[in-house]
Amino acid sequence: MAGEVFDPKKAEKLVDPSRQNTVPVERVLELLQLTGEEKVADLGAGNGYLTLPIAKETKDRVTAVDLQFEMLELLASRAEGEGITNVERMKSSLDALNLPDASFHRAVTAFVLHEVPDLHQTLREIHRILMEHSRLLILDWEKVDGEQGPPKDHRIASNELAERVAEEGFDVEVGHLNDEVYYIVATK
C-alpha cells in the first residue's frame, strides 16, 4: 500500500471515455444492485467517474468522499453541467469518516484501497457507516504487471484484499472485470 494520492492534474484521465474499456460503468451499476432508493457513499470519489452515474440511478443522496478538495470541485462542476443535484461532497480521509453509523445502503471504493495508509482502519470505518444487509463494492488493480494503474508492488492481490475484507465482518465474492481489474462484492 503506497499511501499516495492521485494527482488532480491528471483528473481528465479519470473521465476519459476510453476508461469504459477498463471499468464499464454499466457493470459497476449491476454489481451495486441499485433499486433507486439507496443512500450511497462513493469513497475516494475523485472527479466523479462513478459518482454521477450512481446519482442518476438513485433518488436519494450520493455522498462523494475524497481526500482532495480539488477533485471534489471538479466533481461539483461535472454534476452541475449534467444537472445532477443529489450529490453531496465531503473532504475526508477514509480512515476517519465524519459520517453517522449505519447510514448507507451501498458504498463503493474504486482504486483507492491500495493507497490508504491503514487498510484495517479504513475497512472498519466502511463497515461502521453501512447498514445491515448493505453492499460494498470494491474495485482495484490485480497484483499483476499492467499498462495502467500503479506499479505491481503498490497493488493488493484480490485474494489478499478479500481476506482482509472478510476479517472485518463482510461476506465476500470476488470477480474480475478484466485481467487487471478485480471487484469484491462485500455484504454486511
C-alpha atoms as a PDB file:
ATOM      1  CA  MET A   1       0.000   0.000   0.000  1.00  0.00           C
ATOM      2  CA  ALA A   2       1.529   3.189  -1.182  1.00  0.00           C
ATOM      3  CA  GLY A   3      -0.209   5.835   0.920  1.00  0.00           C
ATOM      4  CA  GLU A   4      -0.144   8.124  -2.118  1.00  0.00           C
ATOM      5  CA  VAL A   5      -2.905  10.239  -3.625  1.00  0.00           C
ATOM      6  CA  PHE A   6      -3.923  10.801  -7.225  1.00  0.00           C
ATOM      7  CA  ASP A   7      -2.563  13.913  -8.933  1.00  0.00           C
ATOM      8  CA  PRO A   8      -5.505  16.254  -9.702  1.00  0.00           C
ATOM      9  CA  LYS A   9      -3.605  17.497 -12.774  1.00  0.00           C
ATOM     10  CA  LYS A  10      -4.335  14.076 -14.312  1.00  0.00           C
ATOM     11  CA  ALA A  11      -8.048  14.164 -13.409  1.00  0.00           C
ATOM     12  CA  GLU A  12      -9.260  14.226 -17.011  1.00  0.00           C
ATOM     13  CA  LYS A  13      -7.807  10.723 -17.430  1.00  0.00           C
ATOM     14  CA  LEU A  14     -10.359   9.502 -14.893  1.00  0.00           C
ATOM     15  CA  VAL A  15     -13.346  10.516 -17.003  1.00  0.00           C
ATOM     16  CA  ASP A  16     -11.923   9.755 -20.434  1.00  0.00           C
ATOM     17  CA  PRO A  17     -14.491   7.696 -22.404  1.00  0.00           C
ATOM     18  CA  SER A  18     -11.828   5.041 -23.087  1.00  0.00           C
ATOM     19  CA  ARG A  19     -11.928   4.222 -19.361  1.00  0.00           C
ATOM     20  CA  GLN A  20     -15.123   2.291 -20.117  1.00  0.00           C
ATOM     21  CA  ASN A  21     -12.882  -0.442 -21.554  1.00  0.00           C
ATOM     22  CA  THR A  22     -11.275  -0.929 -18.141  1.00  0.00           C
ATOM     23  CA  VAL A  23     -14.182  -0.022 -15.849  1.00  0.00           C
ATOM     24  CA  PRO A  24     -17.541  -0.410 -17.608  1.00  0.00           C
ATOM     25  CA  VAL A  25     -19.984   1.757 -15.674  1.00  0.00           C
ATOM     26  CA  GLU A  26     -22.987  -0.440 -16.524  1.00  0.00           C
ATOM     27  CA  ARG A  27     -21.243  -3.456 -14.957  1.00  0.00           C
ATOM     28  CA  VAL A  28     -20.450  -1.446 -11.834  1.00  0.00           C
ATOM     29  CA  LEU A  29     -24.104  -0.407 -11.539  1.00  0.00           C
ATOM     30  CA  GLU A  30     -25.181  -4.064 -11.928  1.00  0.00           C
ATOM     31  CA  LEU A  31     -22.811  -5.111  -9.149  1.00  0.00           C
ATOM     32  CA  LEU A  32     -24.188  -2.412  -6.838  1.00  0.00           C
ATOM     33  CA  GLN A  33     -27.747  -3.712  -7.365  1.00  0.00           C
ATOM     34  CA  LEU A  34     -29.367  -0.301  -7.061  1.00  0.00           C
ATOM     35  CA  THR A  35     -33.155  -0.120  -6.909  1.00  0.00           C
ATOM     36  CA  GLY A  36     -33.314   3.675  -6.903  1.00  0.00           C
ATOM     37  CA  GLU A  37     -33.927   4.258  -3.200  1.00  0.00           C
ATOM     38  CA  GLU A  38     -30.423   3.786  -1.743  1.00  0.00           C
ATOM     39  CA  LYS A  39     -28.149   6.201   0.065  1.00  0.00           C
ATOM     40  CA  VAL A  40     -24.725   5.603  -1.496  1.00  0.00           C
ATOM     41  CA  ALA A  41     -21.219   6.589  -0.413  1.00  0.00           C
ATOM     42  CA  ASP A  42     -18.557   6.865  -3.111  1.00  0.00           C
ATOM     43  CA  LEU A  43     -15.366   6.646  -1.067  1.00  0.00           C
ATOM     44  CA  GLY A  44     -12.414   8.081  -2.943  1.00  0.00           C
ATOM     45  CA  ALA A  45     -14.797   9.578  -5.494  1.00  0.00           C
ATOM     46  CA  GLY A  46     -12.233  11.684  -7.321  1.00  0.00           C
ATOM     47  CA  ASN A  47     -13.924  13.741 -10.004  1.00  0.00           C
ATOM     48  CA  GLY A  48     -16.989  11.527 -10.165  1.00  0.00           C
ATOM     49  CA  TYR A  49     -16.468   8.835 -12.811  1.00  0.00           C
ATOM     50  CA  LEU A  50     -18.766   6.537 -10.807  1.00  0.00           C
ATOM     51  CA  THR A  51     -20.477   9.117  -8.591  1.00  0.00           C
ATOM     52  CA  LEU A  52     -22.507  10.750 -11.342  1.00  0.00           C
ATOM     53  CA  PRO A  53     -23.819   7.540 -12.957  1.00  0.00           C
ATOM     54  CA  ILE A  54     -24.746   6.250  -9.479  1.00  0.00           C
ATOM     55  CA  ALA A  55     -26.532   9.541  -8.698  1.00  0.00           C
ATOM     56  CA  LYS A  56     -28.585   9.128 -11.869  1.00  0.00           C
ATOM     57  CA  GLU A  57     -29.714   5.686 -10.670  1.00  0.00           C
ATOM     58  CA  THR A  58     -30.937   6.642  -7.200  1.00  0.00           C
ATOM     59  CA  LYS A  59     -33.365   9.269  -5.972  1.00  0.00           C
ATOM     60  CA  ASP A  60     -31.591   9.511  -2.616  1.00  0.00           C
ATOM     61  CA  ARG A  61     -28.296  11.216  -1.930  1.00  0.00           C
ATOM     62  CA  VAL A  62     -24.879  10.097  -3.050  1.00  0.00           C
ATOM     63  CA  THR A  63     -22.103  11.225  -0.753  1.00  0.00           C
ATOM     64  CA  ALA A  64     -18.824  11.684  -2.595  1.00  0.00           C
ATOM     65  CA  VAL A  65     -15.852  11.484  -0.246  1.00  0.00           C
ATOM     66  CA  ASP A  66     -12.342  12.364  -1.320  1.00  0.00           C
ATOM     67  CA  LEU A  67      -9.150  13.463   0.376  1.00  0.00           C
ATOM     68  CA  GLN A  68      -8.560  16.213  -2.176  1.00  0.00           C
ATOM     69  CA  PHE A  69     -10.722  19.309  -2.324  1.00  0.00           C
ATOM     70  CA  GLU A  70      -9.606  19.918  -5.941  1.00  0.00           C
ATOM     71  CA  MET A  71     -11.102  16.604  -7.049  1.00  0.00           C
ATOM     72  CA  LEU A  72     -14.387  17.356  -5.277  1.00  0.00           C
ATOM     73  CA  GLU A  73     -14.551  20.735  -7.002  1.00  0.00           C
ATOM     74  CA  LEU A  74     -14.109  19.036 -10.380  1.00  0.00           C
ATOM     75  CA  LEU A  75     -16.894  16.614  -9.420  1.00  0.00           C
ATOM     76  CA  ALA A  76     -19.197  19.513  -8.460  1.00  0.00           C
ATOM     77  CA  SER A  77     -18.575  21.185 -11.793  1.00  0.00           C
ATOM     78  CA  ARG A  78     -19.349  17.973 -13.686  1.00  0.00           C
ATOM     79  CA  ALA A  79     -22.530  17.376 -11.641  1.00  0.00           C
ATOM     80  CA  GLU A  80     -23.720  20.916 -12.302  1.00  0.00           C
ATOM     81  CA  GLY A  81     -23.006  20.512 -16.003  1.00  0.00           C
ATOM     82  CA  GLU A  82     -25.150  17.370 -16.097  1.00  0.00           C
ATOM     83  CA  GLY A  83     -27.934  18.824 -13.926  1.00  0.00           C
ATOM     84  CA  ILE A  84     -27.348  16.307 -11.130  1.00  0.00           C
ATOM     85  CA  THR A  85     -28.471  17.666  -7.760  1.00  0.00           C
ATOM     86  CA  ASN A  86     -28.373  14.680  -5.367  1.00  0.00           C
ATOM     87  CA  VAL A  87     -24.609  14.602  -4.783  1.00  0.00           C
ATOM     88  CA  GLU A  88     -23.070  15.786  -1.518  1.00  0.00           C
ATOM     89  CA  ARG A  89     -19.321  16.273  -1.267  1.00  0.00           C
ATOM     90  CA  MET A  90     -17.123  15.658   1.750  1.00  0.00           C
ATOM     91  CA  LYS A  91     -13.387  16.150   2.095  1.00  0.00           C
ATOM     92  CA  SER A  92     -12.120  13.353   4.326  1.00  0.00           C
ATOM     93  CA  SER A  93      -9.636  10.568   4.643  1.00  0.00           C
ATOM     94  CA  LEU A  94     -11.252   7.137   4.559  1.00  0.00           C
ATOM     95  CA  ASP A  95      -9.890   6.019   7.920  1.00  0.00           C
ATOM     96  CA  ALA A  96     -11.869   8.653   9.880  1.00  0.00           C
ATOM     97  CA  LEU A  97     -15.156   9.278   8.088  1.00  0.00           C
ATOM     98  CA  ASN A  98     -17.329  12.017   9.548  1.00  0.00           C
ATOM     99  CA  LEU A  99     -20.480  10.057   8.766  1.00  0.00           C
ATOM    100  CA  PRO A 100     -23.075   8.530  11.099  1.00  0.00           C
ATOM    101  CA  ASP A 101     -23.116   4.822  11.918  1.00  0.00           C
ATOM    102  CA  ALA A 102     -25.299   2.631   9.683  1.00  0.00           C
ATOM    103  CA  SER A 103     -26.234   5.492   7.356  1.00  0.00           C
ATOM    104  CA  PHE A 104     -25.670   3.990   3.878  1.00  0.00           C
ATOM    105  CA  HIS A 105     -27.218   1.149   1.880  1.00  0.00           C
ATOM    106  CA  ARG A 106     -24.320   0.989  -0.582  1.00  0.00           C
ATOM    107  CA  ALA A 107     -20.690   2.061  -0.735  1.00  0.00           C
ATOM    108  CA  VAL A 108     -18.134   1.879  -3.489  1.00  0.00           C
ATOM    109  CA  THR A 109     -14.360   2.282  -3.446  1.00  0.00           C
ATOM    110  CA  ALA A 110     -12.638   2.366  -6.807  1.00  0.00           C
ATOM    111  CA  PHE A 111      -8.870   2.085  -6.995  1.00  0.00           C
ATOM    112  CA  VAL A 112      -8.224   3.648  -3.598  1.00  0.00           C
ATOM    113  CA  LEU A 113      -7.753   0.871  -1.037  1.00  0.00           C
ATOM    114  CA  HIS A 114      -4.218   0.178  -2.264  1.00  0.00           C
ATOM    115  CA  GLU A 115      -3.456   3.842  -1.412  1.00  0.00           C
ATOM    116  CA  VAL A 116      -4.793   4.056   2.162  1.00  0.00           C
ATOM    117  CA  PRO A 117      -2.195   4.118   4.943  1.00  0.00           C
ATOM    118  CA  ASP A 118      -4.216   1.863   7.300  1.00  0.00           C
ATOM    119  CA  LEU A 119      -6.350  -0.677   5.443  1.00  0.00           C
ATOM    120  CA  HIS A 120      -7.710  -2.272   8.629  1.00  0.00           C
ATOM    121  CA  GLN A 121      -8.941   1.075   9.989  1.00  0.00           C
ATOM    122  CA  THR A 122     -10.413   2.088   6.633  1.00  0.00           C
ATOM    123  CA  LEU A 123     -12.348  -1.169   6.292  1.00  0.00           C
ATOM    124  CA  ARG A 124     -13.578  -0.830   9.878  1.00  0.00           C
ATOM    125  CA  GLU A 125     -14.868   2.683   9.094  1.00  0.00           C
ATOM    126  CA  ILE A 126     -16.642   1.496   5.948  1.00  0.00           C
ATOM    127  CA  HIS A 127     -18.256  -1.341   7.904  1.00  0.00           C
ATOM    128  CA  ARG A 128     -19.373   1.174  10.547  1.00  0.00           C
ATOM    129  CA  ILE A 129     -21.175   3.507   8.104  1.00  0.00           C
ATOM    130  CA  LEU A 130     -23.034   0.715   6.300  1.00  0.00           C
ATOM    131  CA  MET A 131     -26.465  -0.509   7.376  1.00  0.00           C
ATOM    132  CA  GLU A 132     -27.216  -4.179   7.966  1.00  0.00           C
ATOM    133  CA  HIS A 133     -27.844  -6.069   4.697  1.00  0.00           C
ATOM    134  CA  SER A 134     -25.910  -3.434   2.780  1.00  0.00           C
ATOM    135  CA  ARG A 135     -23.405  -3.845  -0.029  1.00  0.00           C
ATOM    136  CA  LEU A 136     -19.858  -2.601  -0.528  1.00  0.00           C
ATOM    137  CA  LEU A 137     -18.309  -2.755  -3.975  1.00  0.00           C
ATOM    138  CA  ILE A 138     -14.527  -2.597  -4.175  1.00  0.00           C
ATOM    139  CA  LEU A 139     -12.698  -2.149  -7.475  1.00  0.00           C
ATOM    140  CA  ASP A 140      -8.932  -2.359  -7.543  1.00  0.00           C
ATOM    141  CA  TRP A 141      -5.895  -3.366  -9.545  1.00  0.00           C
ATOM    142  CA  GLU A 142      -4.930  -7.042  -9.533  1.00  0.00           C
ATOM    143  CA  LYS A 143      -1.357  -7.690  -8.402  1.00  0.00           C
ATOM    144  CA  VAL A 144      -0.016  -8.167 -11.935  1.00  0.00           C
ATOM    145  CA  ASP A 145       2.186  -6.119 -14.209  1.00  0.00           C
ATOM    146  CA  GLY A 146      -0.020  -3.875 -16.294  1.00  0.00           C
ATOM    147  CA  GLU A 147      -0.059  -0.923 -18.610  1.00  0.00           C
ATOM    148  CA  GLN A 148      -2.428   1.049 -16.381  1.00  0.00           C
ATOM    149  CA  GLY A 149      -2.543   1.803 -12.697  1.00  0.00           C
ATOM    150  CA  PRO A 150       0.147   1.756 -10.045  1.00  0.00           C
ATOM    151  CA  PRO A 151       3.284  -0.392 -10.090  1.00  0.00           C
ATOM    152  CA  LYS A 152       2.778  -4.042  -9.143  1.00  0.00           C
ATOM    153  CA  ASP A 153       4.400  -3.592  -5.723  1.00  0.00           C
ATOM    154  CA  HIS A 154       1.737  -0.972  -4.797  1.00  0.00           C
ATOM    155  CA  ARG A 155      -1.170  -3.277  -5.622  1.00  0.00           C
ATOM    156  CA  ILE A 156      -3.054  -5.687  -3.354  1.00  0.00           C
ATOM    157  CA  ALA A 157      -3.917  -9.121  -4.771  1.00  0.00           C
ATOM    158  CA  SER A 158      -7.643  -9.849  -4.942  1.00  0.00           C
ATOM    159  CA  ASN A 159      -7.418 -12.896  -2.659  1.00  0.00           C
ATOM    160  CA  GLU A 160      -5.449 -10.921  -0.060  1.00  0.00           C
ATOM    161  CA  LEU A 161      -7.880  -7.993  -0.063  1.00  0.00           C
ATOM    162  CA  ALA A 162     -10.879 -10.351   0.038  1.00  0.00           C
ATOM    163  CA  GLU A 163      -9.399 -11.981   3.133  1.00  0.00           C
ATOM    164  CA  ARG A 164      -8.884  -8.604   4.806  1.00  0.00           C
ATOM    165  CA  VAL A 165     -12.447  -7.521   3.978  1.00  0.00           C
ATOM    166  CA  ALA A 166     -13.853 -10.793   5.368  1.00  0.00           C
ATOM    167  CA  GLU A 167     -11.890 -10.244   8.595  1.00  0.00           C
ATOM    168  CA  GLU A 168     -13.939  -7.051   9.112  1.00  0.00           C
ATOM    169  CA  GLY A 169     -17.232  -8.943   9.141  1.00  0.00           C
ATOM    170  CA  PHE A 170     -18.264  -8.911   5.483  1.00  0.00           C
ATOM    171  CA  ASP A 171     -19.292 -11.849   3.297  1.00  0.00           C
ATOM    172  CA  VAL A 172     -17.223 -11.551   0.124  1.00  0.00           C
ATOM    173  CA  GLU A 173     -17.452 -12.545  -3.518  1.00  0.00           C
ATOM    174  CA  VAL A 174     -14.511 -11.895  -5.874  1.00  0.00           C
ATOM    175  CA  GLY A 175     -14.638 -11.450  -9.629  1.00  0.00           C
ATOM    176  CA  HIS A 176     -12.746  -9.719 -12.424  1.00  0.00           C
ATOM    177  CA  LEU A 177     -13.754  -7.016 -14.874  1.00  0.00           C
ATOM    178  CA  ASN A 178     -10.659  -7.906 -16.926  1.00  0.00           C
ATOM    179  CA  ASP A 179      -7.124  -9.251 -16.371  1.00  0.00           C
ATOM    180  CA  GLU A 180      -6.003  -6.161 -14.470  1.00  0.00           C
ATOM    181  CA  VAL A 181      -9.117  -5.096 -12.545  1.00  0.00           C
ATOM    182  CA  TYR A 182     -10.976  -7.100  -9.926  1.00  0.00           C
ATOM    183  CA  TYR A 183     -14.062  -6.463  -7.886  1.00  0.00           C
ATOM    184  CA  ILE A 184     -15.111  -7.581  -4.461  1.00  0.00           C
ATOM    185  CA  VAL A 185     -18.778  -7.510  -3.547  1.00  0.00           C
ATOM    186  CA  ALA A 186     -18.907  -7.411   0.234  1.00  0.00           C
ATOM    187  CA  THR A 187     -22.216  -7.743   2.063  1.00  0.00           C
ATOM    188  CA  LYS A 188     -22.796  -6.820   5.684  1.00  0.00           C
END
